[in-house]
Amino acid sequence: MHNLRFATCSSVLALAAALAVPAPVLAQDNSSQNDAPTVFSHSVARSQKPPMMMTVIGFTNASVGMQMPGFPCLGGSAGCSDPTPGTIALPAPLAVAMDGSNVSYTFEFEDVSYTGPCSMSFLLMDGTTKLDSGSYTFPTGCQPNTVYFASFNRTLKPDKKMGVATLKGTLKGGKHTDVIRQNFCFM
């Protein structure tokens, strides 16, 4: 299903490219580039320790969704629409983002056994062209048995009619680095 969706998107893009005049690449609203993301964490009581002494910290999800007031939020917390403690309320992930959309890039990761400094960053790419980037250093570092969420708000202002973008997240904890990628179409 995943390959079919992007194959369909690619076909639509090829048809549109044949009908449209080439234009510059997707541009981002630079006014919000330095804004800090929405970040929160939640303790995971049932997290399993690895059998050997090893660093286990890594991404579990990355998504692109429409910006919504109060989202993302931790279920059961004040102001969160989800009343269930231990859950996360996110905007619905998108396969296609439209011209001028206010979007949130949300990254989730779990720390199973690492204690220390950690940071994450993202790049939004159209092929080899960098469209946007951001980063965040967790001020108190990362702790074992914890899940973390970081959501960066951005506005897509495409100069180009449509394309496929790749959202790449990079997580660093000590000597460990993890990477996650998520593709979506922009029109």
Protein backbone atom coordinates (compact mmCIF):
# COMPACT_ATOMS: atom_id res chain seq x y z
CA MET A 1 0.00 0.00 0.00
CA HIS A 2 2.84 2.40 0.95
CA ASN A 3 4.61 1.92 -2.41
CA LEU A 4 1.33 2.26 -4.32
CA ARG A 5 0.53 5.58 -2.62
CA PHE A 6 3.87 7.14 -3.56
CA ALA A 7 3.81 5.55 -7.02
CA THR A 8 0.43 7.22 -7.56
CA CYS A 9 1.80 10.50 -6.20
CA SER A 10 4.79 10.18 -8.54
CA SER A 11 2.51 9.61 -11.53
CA VAL A 12 0.45 12.69 -10.63
CA LEU A 13 3.67 14.68 -10.23
CA ALA A 14 5.01 13.56 -13.60
CA LEU A 15 1.75 14.53 -15.32
CA ALA A 16 1.69 17.91 -13.58
CA ALA A 17 5.34 18.53 -14.46
CA ALA A 18 4.59 17.89 -18.11
CA LEU A 19 1.79 20.46 -17.98
CA ALA A 20 3.49 23.11 -15.85
CA VAL A 21 6.37 25.50 -16.40
CA PRO A 22 9.39 24.57 -14.21
CA ALA A 23 9.66 26.74 -11.09
CA PRO A 24 12.09 27.16 -8.15
CA VAL A 25 12.11 24.66 -5.28
CA LEU A 26 9.88 24.59 -2.20
CA ALA A 27 10.56 27.49 0.15
CA GLN A 28 9.96 27.60 3.88
CA ASP A 29 8.66 30.38 6.09
CA ASN A 30 11.94 31.44 7.69
CA SER A 31 10.22 33.52 10.38
CA SER A 32 9.63 30.41 12.50
CA GLN A 33 12.92 28.62 11.83
CA ASN A 34 14.36 29.44 15.26
CA ASP A 35 11.22 28.68 17.27
CA ALA A 36 11.68 25.88 19.78
CA PRO A 37 9.63 22.75 19.15
CA THR A 38 6.88 21.48 21.42
CA VAL A 39 8.69 18.85 23.50
CA PHE A 40 7.49 16.50 26.22
CA SER A 41 8.32 13.09 27.64
CA HIS A 42 6.57 10.24 29.40
CA SER A 43 7.94 7.53 31.67
CA VAL A 44 7.49 3.95 30.42
CA ALA A 45 7.24 1.59 33.37
CA ARG A 46 7.22 -1.57 31.23
CA SER A 47 10.28 -0.71 29.16
CA GLN A 48 12.58 -3.71 28.76
CA LYS A 49 16.28 -3.44 29.56
CA PRO A 50 18.60 -4.89 26.92
CA PRO A 51 20.25 -8.23 27.82
CA MET A 52 23.76 -6.79 27.47
CA MET A 53 25.30 -3.50 28.50
CA MET A 54 24.50 -1.46 25.42
CA THR A 55 23.04 1.92 24.53
CA VAL A 56 19.45 1.62 23.35
CA ILE A 57 17.86 4.90 22.27
CA GLY A 58 16.04 5.28 18.98
CA PHE A 59 13.22 6.71 16.91
CA THR A 60 9.83 5.02 16.89
CA ASN A 61 7.96 7.38 14.53
CA ALA A 62 8.11 10.51 12.38
CA SER A 63 5.07 12.21 10.86
CA VAL A 64 3.90 15.31 9.04
CA GLY A 65 0.49 16.62 10.14
CA MET A 66 -1.53 19.83 10.06
CA GLN A 67 -0.80 22.27 12.90
CA MET A 68 -3.60 22.13 15.45
CA PRO A 69 -3.88 24.14 18.68
CA GLY A 70 -3.02 21.98 21.68
CA PHE A 71 -1.44 19.17 19.62
CA PRO A 72 0.64 17.15 20.16
CA CYS A 73 -0.20 16.51 23.80
CA LEU A 74 0.15 13.78 26.40
CA GLY A 75 -3.13 12.01 27.10
CA GLY A 76 -4.61 12.73 30.52
CA SER A 77 -2.72 16.02 30.92
CA ALA A 78 -4.54 19.33 31.39
CA GLY A 79 -5.81 20.71 28.08
CA CYS A 80 -5.23 17.51 26.08
CA SER A 81 -8.24 16.26 24.15
CA ASP A 82 -7.23 12.65 24.86
CA PRO A 83 -8.24 11.78 28.45
CA THR A 84 -6.29 8.50 28.58
CA PRO A 85 -3.01 8.74 30.56
CA GLY A 86 0.04 7.36 28.76
CA THR A 87 -1.25 8.07 25.25
CA ILE A 88 -0.24 10.72 22.74
CA ALA A 89 -2.62 12.92 20.74
CA LEU A 90 -1.11 13.91 17.38
CA PRO A 91 -2.54 15.60 14.30
CA ALA A 92 -3.41 12.92 11.72
CA PRO A 93 -0.32 12.10 9.61
CA LEU A 94 -0.50 13.38 6.03
CA ALA A 95 0.63 11.80 2.78
CA VAL A 96 0.06 15.12 0.94
CA ALA A 97 0.56 18.70 2.23
CA MET A 98 -0.98 21.54 0.24
CA ASP A 99 0.45 24.95 -0.72
CA GLY A 100 0.56 27.29 2.31
CA SER A 101 -0.20 24.54 4.82
CA ASN A 102 0.83 25.05 8.41
CA VAL A 103 2.36 21.68 9.29
CA SER A 104 3.96 20.00 12.30
CA TYR A 105 6.90 17.61 11.92
CA THR A 106 6.57 15.31 14.93
CA PHE A 107 9.31 12.91 16.01
CA GLU A 108 8.95 10.24 18.67
CA PHE A 109 11.73 8.21 20.26
CA GLU A 110 12.31 5.88 23.18
CA ASP A 111 15.26 5.80 25.54
CA VAL A 112 15.61 2.31 27.02
CA SER A 113 19.08 2.40 28.60
CA TYR A 114 20.92 5.67 27.91
CA THR A 115 21.59 8.43 30.45
CA GLY A 116 23.22 11.62 29.26
CA PRO A 117 23.19 14.47 26.76
CA CYS A 118 20.98 14.03 23.73
CA SER A 119 19.75 16.09 20.80
CA MET A 120 17.74 15.72 17.65
CA SER A 121 17.66 17.52 14.33
CA PHE A 122 15.70 17.32 11.11
CA LEU A 123 16.22 18.07 7.42
CA LEU A 124 13.51 18.43 4.82
CA MET A 125 14.86 17.53 1.38
CA ASP A 126 13.54 17.60 -2.17
CA GLY A 127 15.99 15.21 -3.81
CA THR A 128 19.38 16.75 -3.02
CA THR A 129 17.97 20.22 -2.26
CA LYS A 130 17.70 21.22 1.41
CA LEU A 131 14.31 22.85 1.99
CA ASP A 132 14.23 23.28 5.77
CA SER A 133 16.01 22.23 8.94
CA GLY A 134 15.76 22.50 12.69
CA SER A 135 17.31 21.09 15.84
CA TYR A 136 16.76 20.76 19.57
CA THR A 137 19.06 19.87 22.46
CA PHE A 138 17.27 18.35 25.43
CA PRO A 139 18.35 20.63 28.31
CA THR A 140 18.47 17.90 30.98
CA GLY A 141 19.58 15.15 28.60
CA CYS A 142 17.77 11.84 28.14
CA GLN A 143 16.84 9.25 30.75
CA PRO A 144 16.16 5.49 30.47
CA ASN A 145 12.57 4.17 30.41
CA THR A 146 11.25 7.36 28.78
CA VAL A 147 9.54 8.19 25.51
CA TYR A 148 10.10 11.65 24.03
CA PHE A 149 8.14 13.76 21.54
CA ALA A 150 9.40 16.81 19.62
CA SER A 151 7.09 18.67 17.22
CA PHE A 152 8.38 21.45 14.95
CA ASN A 153 5.79 23.84 13.46
CA ARG A 154 6.46 25.11 9.93
CA THR A 155 4.60 26.73 7.02
CA LEU A 156 5.02 25.21 3.55
CA LYS A 157 5.18 27.95 0.94
CA PRO A 158 6.01 26.15 -2.29
CA ASP A 159 7.33 28.06 -5.27
CA LYS A 160 7.25 24.72 -7.04
CA LYS A 161 3.80 23.29 -7.83
CA MET A 162 4.35 19.78 -6.45
CA GLY A 163 6.93 17.20 -5.50
CA VAL A 164 7.99 14.55 -3.00
CA ALA A 165 9.81 15.70 0.12
CA THR A 166 11.78 13.54 2.55
CA LEU A 167 11.71 14.44 6.23
CA LYS A 168 14.85 13.05 7.88
CA GLY A 169 15.26 13.03 11.66
CA THR A 170 18.60 12.42 13.38
CA LEU A 171 18.84 11.54 17.07
CA LYS A 172 22.14 11.65 18.98
CA GLY A 173 22.64 10.18 22.44
CA GLY A 174 26.26 9.79 23.52
CA LYS A 175 28.08 7.87 20.78
CA HIS A 176 24.81 6.50 19.40
CA THR A 177 23.06 8.03 16.36
CA ASP A 178 19.68 6.97 14.96
CA VAL A 179 18.02 8.19 11.74
CA ILE A 180 14.42 8.05 10.55
CA ARG A 181 12.93 9.12 7.19
CA GLN A 182 9.35 9.93 6.16
CA ASN A 183 8.25 10.86 2.62
CA PHE A 184 5.25 13.00 1.73
CA CYS A 185 3.97 14.83 -1.34
CA PHE A 186 3.53 18.60 -1.52
CA MET A 187 1.18 20.30 -3.98
